[in-house]
C-alpha atoms as a PDB file:
ATOM      1  CA  MET A   1      14.524 -50.877   0.382  1.00  0.00           C
ATOM      2  CA  SER A   2      13.906 -48.112  -2.155  1.00  0.00           C
ATOM      3  CA  THR A   3      17.006 -46.555  -3.699  1.00  0.00           C
ATOM      4  CA  GLN A   4      15.108 -43.663  -5.246  1.00  0.00           C
ATOM      5  CA  THR A   5      16.934 -40.375  -4.810  1.00  0.00           C
ATOM      6  CA  VAL A   6      15.280 -37.160  -3.628  1.00  0.00           C
ATOM      7  CA  ASP A   7      16.012 -34.097  -5.715  1.00  0.00           C
ATOM      8  CA  ARG A   8      17.050 -30.954  -3.826  1.00  0.00           C
ATOM      9  CA  MET A   9      16.930 -27.341  -4.911  1.00  0.00           C
ATOM     10  CA  THR A  10      20.424 -25.844  -5.100  1.00  0.00           C
ATOM     11  CA  ARG A  11      19.681 -22.327  -6.379  1.00  0.00           C
ATOM     12  CA  ASP A  12      19.178 -19.657  -3.715  1.00  0.00           C
ATOM     13  CA  VAL A  13      15.743 -18.657  -4.996  1.00  0.00           C
ATOM     14  CA  HIS A  14      13.475 -19.880  -7.768  1.00  0.00           C
ATOM     15  CA  LEU A  15      12.173 -16.448  -8.826  1.00  0.00           C
ATOM     16  CA  SER A  16      13.474 -13.067  -7.671  1.00  0.00           C
ATOM     17  CA  GLY A  17      12.275  -9.493  -7.952  1.00  0.00           C
ATOM     18  CA  LYS A  18      14.874  -8.892 -10.667  1.00  0.00           C
ATOM     19  CA  ASP A  19      13.510 -11.891 -12.544  1.00  0.00           C
ATOM     20  CA  LEU A  20      10.036 -10.332 -12.385  1.00  0.00           C
ATOM     21  CA  MET A  21      11.430  -7.122 -13.862  1.00  0.00           C
ATOM     22  CA  GLY A  22      12.871  -9.107 -16.728  1.00  0.00           C
ATOM     23  CA  MET A  23       9.581 -10.895 -17.318  1.00  0.00           C
ATOM     24  CA  VAL A  24       7.732  -7.575 -17.767  1.00  0.00           C
ATOM     25  CA  GLN A  25      10.704  -6.031 -19.640  1.00  0.00           C
ATOM     26  CA  LEU A  26      11.067  -3.188 -17.148  1.00  0.00           C
ATOM     27  CA  ARG A  27      14.287  -1.275 -16.554  1.00  0.00           C
ATOM     28  CA  PRO A  28      15.055   1.155 -13.696  1.00  0.00           C
ATOM     29  CA  LYS A  29      15.275   4.029 -16.194  1.00  0.00           C
ATOM     30  CA  ASP A  30      11.683   3.306 -17.279  1.00  0.00           C
ATOM     31  CA  VAL A  31      10.115   4.300 -13.947  1.00  0.00           C
ATOM     32  CA  GLY A  32       9.724   7.570 -12.061  1.00  0.00           C
ATOM     33  CA  SER A  33      11.471   8.580  -8.881  1.00  0.00           C
ATOM     34  CA  TYR A  34       8.227   8.071  -6.973  1.00  0.00           C
ATOM     35  CA  ALA A  35       5.573   5.368  -7.166  1.00  0.00           C
ATOM     36  CA  ILE A  36       1.957   5.937  -6.162  1.00  0.00           C
ATOM     37  CA  VAL A  37       0.337   2.577  -5.457  1.00  0.00           C
ATOM     38  CA  PRO A  38      -3.467   2.233  -5.328  1.00  0.00           C
ATOM     39  CA  GLY A  39      -5.117  -1.160  -5.025  1.00  0.00           C
ATOM     40  CA  PRO A  40      -7.858  -1.348  -7.675  1.00  0.00           C
ATOM     41  CA  LYS A  41      -7.382  -0.547 -11.348  1.00  0.00           C
ATOM     42  CA  GLU A  42     -10.182   2.031 -11.190  1.00  0.00           C
ATOM     43  CA  ARG A  43      -8.206   4.150  -8.731  1.00  0.00           C
ATOM     44  CA  LEU A  44      -5.120   3.794 -10.915  1.00  0.00           C
ATOM     45  CA  ASP A  45      -7.133   5.003 -13.919  1.00  0.00           C
ATOM     46  CA  SER A  46      -8.080   8.148 -11.971  1.00  0.00           C
ATOM     47  CA  LEU A  47      -4.419   8.741 -11.145  1.00  0.00           C
ATOM     48  CA  VAL A  48      -3.288   8.246 -14.761  1.00  0.00           C
ATOM     49  CA  LYS A  49      -5.797  10.876 -15.923  1.00  0.00           C
ATOM     50  CA  LYS A  50      -3.900  13.421 -13.816  1.00  0.00           C
ATOM     51  CA  MET A  51      -0.541  12.545 -15.411  1.00  0.00           C
ATOM     52  CA  GLU A  52       1.007  14.428 -18.301  1.00  0.00           C
ATOM     53  CA  ASN A  53       2.041  12.143 -21.184  1.00  0.00           C
ATOM     54  CA  PRO A  54       1.508   8.833 -19.364  1.00  0.00           C
ATOM     55  CA  VAL A  55       3.208   5.815 -20.932  1.00  0.00           C
ATOM     56  CA  LYS A  56       2.157   2.260 -20.148  1.00  0.00           C
ATOM     57  CA  ASN A  57       5.195   0.372 -18.855  1.00  0.00           C
ATOM     58  CA  PHE A  58       3.520  -3.019 -18.882  1.00  0.00           C
ATOM     59  CA  THR A  59       0.380  -5.066 -18.415  1.00  0.00           C
ATOM     60  CA  PHE A  60       1.011  -8.325 -16.572  1.00  0.00           C
ATOM     61  CA  MET A  61      -1.875 -10.498 -15.427  1.00  0.00           C
ATOM     62  CA  GLU A  62      -4.216  -7.918 -13.812  1.00  0.00           C
ATOM     63  CA  TYR A  63      -1.468  -5.379 -13.039  1.00  0.00           C
ATOM     64  CA  ASN A  64      -0.949  -2.224 -15.062  1.00  0.00           C
ATOM     65  CA  MET A  65       1.933   0.231 -14.689  1.00  0.00           C
ATOM     66  CA  TYR A  66       2.127   3.740 -16.135  1.00  0.00           C
ATOM     67  CA  THR A  67       4.790   6.427 -15.874  1.00  0.00           C
ATOM     68  CA  GLY A  68       4.174  10.089 -16.574  1.00  0.00           C
ATOM     69  CA  ASN A  69       4.701  13.579 -15.205  1.00  0.00           C
ATOM     70  CA  ILE A  70       2.870  15.239 -12.338  1.00  0.00           C
ATOM     71  CA  ASN A  71       3.778  18.897 -11.852  1.00  0.00           C
ATOM     72  CA  GLY A  72       6.958  18.256 -13.829  1.00  0.00           C
ATOM     73  CA  ILE A  73       7.960  15.298 -11.652  1.00  0.00           C
ATOM     74  CA  ARG A  74       8.293  11.809 -13.144  1.00  0.00           C
ATOM     75  CA  VAL A  75       5.907   9.495 -11.284  1.00  0.00           C
ATOM     76  CA  THR A  76       4.956   5.850 -11.711  1.00  0.00           C
ATOM     77  CA  GLY A  77       1.524   4.456 -10.872  1.00  0.00           C
ATOM     78  CA  ILE A  78       0.564   0.808 -10.527  1.00  0.00           C
ATOM     79  CA  ASN A  79      -2.498  -0.979  -9.190  1.00  0.00           C
ATOM     80  CA  GLY A  80      -0.385  -2.656  -6.583  1.00  0.00           C
ATOM     81  CA  GLY A  81      -2.704  -5.407  -5.454  1.00  0.00           C
ATOM     82  CA  ARG A  82      -5.662  -5.940  -3.142  1.00  0.00           C
ATOM     83  CA  PHE A  83      -4.140  -8.801  -1.139  1.00  0.00           C
ATOM     84  CA  ALA A  84      -0.827  -9.645   0.499  1.00  0.00           C
ATOM     85  CA  ALA A  85       0.447 -12.039  -2.173  1.00  0.00           C
ATOM     86  CA  ASP A  86      -0.136  -9.828  -5.202  1.00  0.00           C
ATOM     87  CA  THR A  87       1.031  -6.767  -3.256  1.00  0.00           C
ATOM     88  CA  ALA A  88       4.324  -8.573  -2.642  1.00  0.00           C
ATOM     89  CA  ILE A  89       4.771  -9.130  -6.383  1.00  0.00           C
ATOM     90  CA  THR A  90       4.241  -5.493  -7.365  1.00  0.00           C
ATOM     91  CA  THR A  91       6.234  -4.137  -4.409  1.00  0.00           C
ATOM     92  CA  GLU A  92       9.176  -6.359  -5.348  1.00  0.00           C
ATOM     93  CA  ILE A  93       9.010  -5.041  -8.915  1.00  0.00           C
ATOM     94  CA  LEU A  94       8.995  -1.423  -7.721  1.00  0.00           C
ATOM     95  CA  CYS A  95      11.831  -1.959  -5.245  1.00  0.00           C
ATOM     96  CA  ASN A  96      13.989  -3.698  -7.845  1.00  0.00           C
ATOM     97  CA  ALA A  97      13.217  -0.861 -10.263  1.00  0.00           C
ATOM     98  CA  GLU A  98      14.933   1.375  -7.678  1.00  0.00           C
ATOM     99  CA  VAL A  99      12.166   3.929  -7.140  1.00  0.00           C
ATOM    100  CA  LYS A 100      13.061   6.631  -4.629  1.00  0.00           C
ATOM    101  CA  ALA A 101       9.907   6.318  -2.505  1.00  0.00           C
ATOM    102  CA  LEU A 102       6.615   4.398  -2.373  1.00  0.00           C
ATOM    103  CA  ILE A 103       3.201   5.844  -1.495  1.00  0.00           C
ATOM    104  CA  ARG A 104       0.319   3.461  -0.816  1.00  0.00           C
ATOM    105  CA  ILE A 105      -3.223   4.860  -1.164  1.00  0.00           C
ATOM    106  CA  GLY A 106      -5.708   2.219  -0.099  1.00  0.00           C
ATOM    107  CA  SER A 107      -8.848   1.472   1.892  1.00  0.00           C
ATOM    108  CA  CYS A 108      -9.467  -0.114   5.267  1.00  0.00           C
ATOM    109  CA  GLY A 109     -11.931  -1.030   7.968  1.00  0.00           C
ATOM    110  CA  ALA A 110     -12.012   1.072  11.138  1.00  0.00           C
ATOM    111  CA  MET A 111     -11.748  -0.366  14.629  1.00  0.00           C
ATOM    112  CA  ARG A 112     -12.931   2.562  16.728  1.00  0.00           C
ATOM    113  CA  LYS A 113     -16.469   3.906  17.166  1.00  0.00           C
ATOM    114  CA  ASP A 114     -15.472   7.507  16.501  1.00  0.00           C
ATOM    115  CA  MET A 115     -14.200   6.769  12.996  1.00  0.00           C
ATOM    116  CA  LYS A 116     -16.553   7.689  10.154  1.00  0.00           C
ATOM    117  CA  ILE A 117     -16.876   6.328   6.630  1.00  0.00           C
ATOM    118  CA  GLY A 118     -14.628   8.523   4.472  1.00  0.00           C
ATOM    119  CA  ASP A 119     -12.224   9.351   7.287  1.00  0.00           C
ATOM    120  CA  PHE A 120      -8.587   8.367   6.824  1.00  0.00           C
ATOM    121  CA  ILE A 121      -6.038   6.283   8.696  1.00  0.00           C
ATOM    122  CA  LEU A 122      -2.415   7.343   8.391  1.00  0.00           C
ATOM    123  CA  THR A 123      -0.457   4.184   9.087  1.00  0.00           C
ATOM    124  CA  THR A 124       2.173   4.544  11.822  1.00  0.00           C
ATOM    125  CA  GLY A 125       2.969   0.848  12.117  1.00  0.00           C
ATOM    126  CA  CYS A 126       1.527  -2.598  11.463  1.00  0.00           C
ATOM    127  CA  VAL A 127       0.236  -5.654  13.243  1.00  0.00           C
ATOM    128  CA  ARG A 128       1.224  -8.361  10.784  1.00  0.00           C
ATOM    129  CA  GLY A 129      -1.464 -10.970  10.228  1.00  0.00           C
ATOM    130  CA  ASP A 130      -0.708 -11.632   6.580  1.00  0.00           C
ATOM    131  CA  GLY A 131       0.925 -14.723   5.145  1.00  0.00           C
ATOM    132  CA  VAL A 132       3.680 -12.952   3.189  1.00  0.00           C
ATOM    133  CA  SER A 133       5.714 -10.898   5.649  1.00  0.00           C
ATOM    134  CA  PRO A 134       6.780 -13.897   7.822  1.00  0.00           C
ATOM    135  CA  TYR A 135       8.841 -15.068   4.830  1.00  0.00           C
ATOM    136  CA  TYR A 136      10.740 -11.755   4.857  1.00  0.00           C
ATOM    137  CA  VAL A 137      11.185 -10.979   8.568  1.00  0.00           C
ATOM    138  CA  ASP A 138      10.910 -12.668  11.953  1.00  0.00           C
ATOM    139  CA  ASP A 139       8.327 -12.035  14.672  1.00  0.00           C
ATOM    140  CA  LYS A 140      10.499  -9.430  16.411  1.00  0.00           C
ATOM    141  CA  PHE A 141      10.713  -7.188  13.351  1.00  0.00           C
ATOM    142  CA  GLU A 142       8.812  -3.908  13.687  1.00  0.00           C
ATOM    143  CA  THR A 143       7.091  -2.909  10.448  1.00  0.00           C
ATOM    144  CA  LEU A 144       7.104   0.885  10.135  1.00  0.00           C
ATOM    145  CA  PRO A 145       6.568   3.536   7.477  1.00  0.00           C
ATOM    146  CA  ASP A 146       9.211   6.176   6.829  1.00  0.00           C
ATOM    147  CA  ALA A 147       8.923   8.694   9.677  1.00  0.00           C
ATOM    148  CA  ALA A 148       9.755  11.867   7.736  1.00  0.00           C
ATOM    149  CA  MET A 149       7.416  11.030   4.850  1.00  0.00           C
ATOM    150  CA  THR A 150       4.640  10.099   7.270  1.00  0.00           C
ATOM    151  CA  GLN A 151       4.966  13.421   9.057  1.00  0.00           C
ATOM    152  CA  LYS A 152       4.737  15.360   5.770  1.00  0.00           C
ATOM    153  CA  LEU A 153       1.812  13.260   4.569  1.00  0.00           C
ATOM    154  CA  GLY A 154       0.011  13.771   7.867  1.00  0.00           C
ATOM    155  CA  VAL A 155       0.046  17.552   7.489  1.00  0.00           C
ATOM    156  CA  ILE A 156      -1.095  17.337   3.861  1.00  0.00           C
ATOM    157  CA  ALA A 157      -3.860  14.848   4.654  1.00  0.00           C
ATOM    158  CA  LYS A 158      -5.238  16.777   7.614  1.00  0.00           C
ATOM    159  CA  ASN A 159      -5.420  20.001   5.630  1.00  0.00           C
ATOM    160  CA  LEU A 160      -7.247  18.357   2.725  1.00  0.00           C
ATOM    161  CA  ALA A 161      -9.547  16.254   4.899  1.00  0.00           C
ATOM    162  CA  ALA A 162     -10.599  19.286   6.917  1.00  0.00           C
ATOM    163  CA  THR A 163     -12.012  20.941   3.777  1.00  0.00           C
ATOM    164  CA  ALA A 164     -14.518  18.075   3.515  1.00  0.00           C
ATOM    165  CA  GLY A 165     -15.256  17.709   7.220  1.00  0.00           C
ATOM    166  CA  LEU A 166     -13.312  14.456   7.433  1.00  0.00           C
ATOM    167  CA  THR A 167     -10.731  13.353  10.000  1.00  0.00           C
ATOM    168  CA  VAL A 168      -7.279  11.792   9.697  1.00  0.00           C
ATOM    169  CA  HIS A 169      -6.610   9.216  12.420  1.00  0.00           C
ATOM    170  CA  GLU A 170      -3.085   7.996  13.103  1.00  0.00           C
ATOM    171  CA  GLY A 171      -2.232   4.525  14.332  1.00  0.00           C
ATOM    172  CA  LYS A 172      -1.320   0.938  13.603  1.00  0.00           C
ATOM    173  CA  VAL A 173      -3.032  -1.065  10.878  1.00  0.00           C
ATOM    174  CA  TRP A 174      -3.605  -4.805  11.134  1.00  0.00           C
ATOM    175  CA  SER A 175      -3.168  -6.630   7.816  1.00  0.00           C
ATOM    176  CA  THR A 176      -4.966  -9.946   7.444  1.00  0.00           C
ATOM    177  CA  ASP A 177      -5.518 -12.466   4.658  1.00  0.00           C
ATOM    178  CA  ALA A 178      -8.717 -13.832   6.199  1.00  0.00           C
ATOM    179  CA  ILE A 179     -11.312 -11.126   5.597  1.00  0.00           C
ATOM    180  CA  LEU A 180     -14.184 -13.482   6.479  1.00  0.00           C
ATOM    181  CA  LYS A 181     -12.568 -14.458   9.785  1.00  0.00           C
ATOM    182  CA  GLU A 182     -12.507 -11.024  11.419  1.00  0.00           C
ATOM    183  CA  THR A 183     -14.103 -12.488  14.541  1.00  0.00           C
ATOM    184  CA  LYS A 184     -14.516 -10.572  17.780  1.00  0.00           C
ATOM    185  CA  GLU A 185     -11.884 -12.735  19.477  1.00  0.00           C
ATOM    186  CA  ILE A 186      -9.271 -11.976  16.810  1.00  0.00           C
ATOM    187  CA  VAL A 187     -10.268  -8.331  16.307  1.00  0.00           C
ATOM    188  CA  ASN A 188     -10.244  -7.542  20.026  1.00  0.00           C
ATOM    189  CA  GLY A 189      -6.848  -9.208  20.283  1.00  0.00           C
ATOM    190  CA  VAL A 190      -5.280  -6.973  17.634  1.00  0.00           C
ATOM    191  CA  ILE A 191      -6.981  -3.914  19.135  1.00  0.00           C
ATOM    192  CA  ASP A 192      -5.158  -4.785  22.358  1.00  0.00           C
ATOM    193  CA  ARG A 193      -1.937  -4.679  20.295  1.00  0.00           C
ATOM    194  CA  GLY A 194      -2.667  -1.106  19.242  1.00  0.00           C
ATOM    195  CA  ALA A 195      -4.394  -1.533  15.878  1.00  0.00           C
ATOM    196  CA  ILE A 196      -7.075   0.998  14.920  1.00  0.00           C
ATOM    197  CA  GLY A 197      -7.753  -0.240  11.384  1.00  0.00           C
ATOM    198  CA  VAL A 198      -7.579  -3.340   9.213  1.00  0.00           C
ATOM    199  CA  ASP A 199      -6.568  -3.920   5.611  1.00  0.00           C
ATOM    200  CA  MET A 200      -4.910  -6.690   3.605  1.00  0.00           C
ATOM    201  CA  VAL A 201      -1.919  -4.834   2.193  1.00  0.00           C
ATOM    202  CA  SER A 202      -0.051  -2.355   4.423  1.00  0.00           C
ATOM    203  CA  ALA A 203       2.034  -4.914   6.330  1.00  0.00           C
ATOM    204  CA  PRO A 204       3.556  -6.714   3.320  1.00  0.00           C
ATOM    205  CA  PHE A 205       3.921  -3.432   1.407  1.00  0.00           C
ATOM    206  CA  LEU A 206       5.789  -1.625   4.190  1.00  0.00           C
ATOM    207  CA  THR A 207       7.750  -4.690   5.305  1.00  0.00           C
ATOM    208  CA  ILE A 208       9.147  -5.384   1.836  1.00  0.00           C
ATOM    209  CA  ALA A 209       9.988  -1.702   1.325  1.00  0.00           C
ATOM    210  CA  GLN A 210      11.865  -1.733   4.639  1.00  0.00           C
ATOM    211  CA  THR A 211      13.898  -4.778   3.668  1.00  0.00           C
ATOM    212  CA  TYR A 212      14.990  -2.898   0.520  1.00  0.00           C
ATOM    213  CA  LYS A 213      15.584   0.292   2.564  1.00  0.00           C
ATOM    214  CA  ILE A 214      13.190   2.269   0.351  1.00  0.00           C
ATOM    215  CA  PRO A 215      11.070   4.903   2.171  1.00  0.00           C
ATOM    216  CA  ALA A 216       7.361   4.095   2.066  1.00  0.00           C
ATOM    217  CA  VAL A 217       4.099   5.359   3.541  1.00  0.00           C
ATOM    218  CA  SER A 218       0.508   4.136   3.642  1.00  0.00           C
ATOM    219  CA  ILE A 219      -2.692   6.160   3.976  1.00  0.00           C
ATOM    220  CA  LEU A 220      -6.119   4.550   3.813  1.00  0.00           C
ATOM    221  CA  ALA A 221      -9.707   5.693   3.327  1.00  0.00           C
ATOM    222  CA  ILE A 222     -12.199   4.092   5.734  1.00  0.00           C
ATOM    223  CA  SER A 223     -14.780   1.982   3.906  1.00  0.00           C
ATOM    224  CA  ASP A 224     -16.425   0.156   6.840  1.00  0.00           C
ATOM    225  CA  ASN A 225     -16.317  -0.102  10.643  1.00  0.00           C
ATOM    226  CA  LEU A 226     -15.801  -3.393  12.476  1.00  0.00           C
ATOM    227  CA  ILE A 227     -16.971  -1.984  15.811  1.00  0.00           C
ATOM    228  CA  THR A 228     -20.264  -0.436  14.682  1.00  0.00           C
ATOM    229  CA  GLY A 229     -20.870  -2.860  11.821  1.00  0.00           C
ATOM    230  CA  GLN A 230     -21.334  -0.008   9.360  1.00  0.00           C
ATOM    231  CA  MET A 231     -20.670  -0.744   5.679  1.00  0.00           C
ATOM    232  CA  GLY A 232     -19.853   2.270   3.533  1.00  0.00           C
ATOM    233  CA  PHE A 233     -18.727   0.914   0.184  1.00  0.00           C
ATOM    234  CA  ILE A 234     -21.493   2.855  -1.602  1.00  0.00           C
ATOM    235  CA  ASN A 235     -21.300   5.871   0.719  1.00  0.00           C
ATOM    236  CA  PRO A 236     -20.520   9.111  -1.208  1.00  0.00           C
ATOM    237  CA  ASP A 237     -18.059  10.115   1.532  1.00  0.00           C
ATOM    238  CA  TYR A 238     -16.000   7.012   0.795  1.00  0.00           C
ATOM    239  CA  TYR A 239     -15.788   7.774  -2.923  1.00  0.00           C
ATOM    240  CA  MET A 240     -14.887  11.387  -2.163  1.00  0.00           C
ATOM    241  CA  ALA A 241     -12.131  10.142   0.157  1.00  0.00           C
ATOM    242  CA  GLU A 242     -10.782   7.847  -2.576  1.00  0.00           C
ATOM    243  CA  GLY A 243     -10.320  10.869  -4.819  1.00  0.00           C
ATOM    244  CA  MET A 244      -8.678  12.825  -2.031  1.00  0.00           C
ATOM    245  CA  LEU A 245      -6.118  10.056  -1.549  1.00  0.00           C
ATOM    246  CA  ILE A 246      -4.764  10.791  -5.024  1.00  0.00           C
ATOM    247  CA  GLN A 247      -4.557  14.508  -4.203  1.00  0.00           C
ATOM    248  CA  MET A 248      -2.682  13.726  -0.990  1.00  0.00           C
ATOM    249  CA  ALA A 249      -0.164  11.515  -2.768  1.00  0.00           C
ATOM    250  CA  MET A 250       0.433  14.060  -5.526  1.00  0.00           C
ATOM    251  CA  GLU A 251       0.983  16.852  -3.008  1.00  0.00           C
ATOM    252  CA  LEU A 252       3.425  14.667  -1.070  1.00  0.00           C
ATOM    253  CA  VAL A 253       5.444  14.038  -4.236  1.00  0.00           C
ATOM    254  CA  LYS A 254       5.598  17.799  -4.859  1.00  0.00           C
ATOM    255  CA  GLN A 255       6.827  18.484  -1.327  1.00  0.00           C
ATOM    256  CA  LEU A 256       9.417  15.706  -1.487  1.00  0.00           C
ATOM    257  CA  GLU A 257      10.780  17.366  -4.631  1.00  0.00           C
ATOM    258  CA  GLY A 258      10.740  20.795  -2.978  1.00  0.00           C
ATOM    259  CA  LYS A 259       7.982  22.177  -5.228  1.00  0.00           C
END
């Protein structure tokens, strides 16, 4: 019989959020009170252009973080990831940096016929279909945004959207890792669970923020529609909505600071 021993891990965790902060040489005092978190770098670049005296905190792999002032308020921006796994990395960094609140500005697919390209979904909860959040919470956990911040953001978003003839829809967002397996059987099943939109980020983002007890919200511009089959990634209304997301987040930061 073999006498070979099996090595066992004895440390609690191999790599923690605090370890990630050390790797990118980030300290809590380096970041703003609020973090605005777009997905793609291009949207982050648009946000940084609106900052006063932005300073790059770090570049790590494809992630870039900047901190600057918006209306006299210190704000951090980071392209927080397009998928669940990379979103978890950046959200852990932000939570361990002890930001006061997190604001996700992303994109999504709609799951109702009445939703137009360029409309918005204000996330009120999540159907978790991603591969990250099950490592943080069990099946009974209810992933939710911060209620007070969501209410404020809803008023801001509706006022801005109305100026462009767009609509803000409120409801649950289903987050999935399998974008090419959005089959009618799966989609109809999550619709039955209350989802009105789909993305790849909101569930891990909000779940991790909840576990750290940091208030977070998520608002998404509609880029396509799973029910009608419409694709709007080159639709001018979608690009206009992307810009409006930044306005919404900036106005929310101002209101949270009483300005």
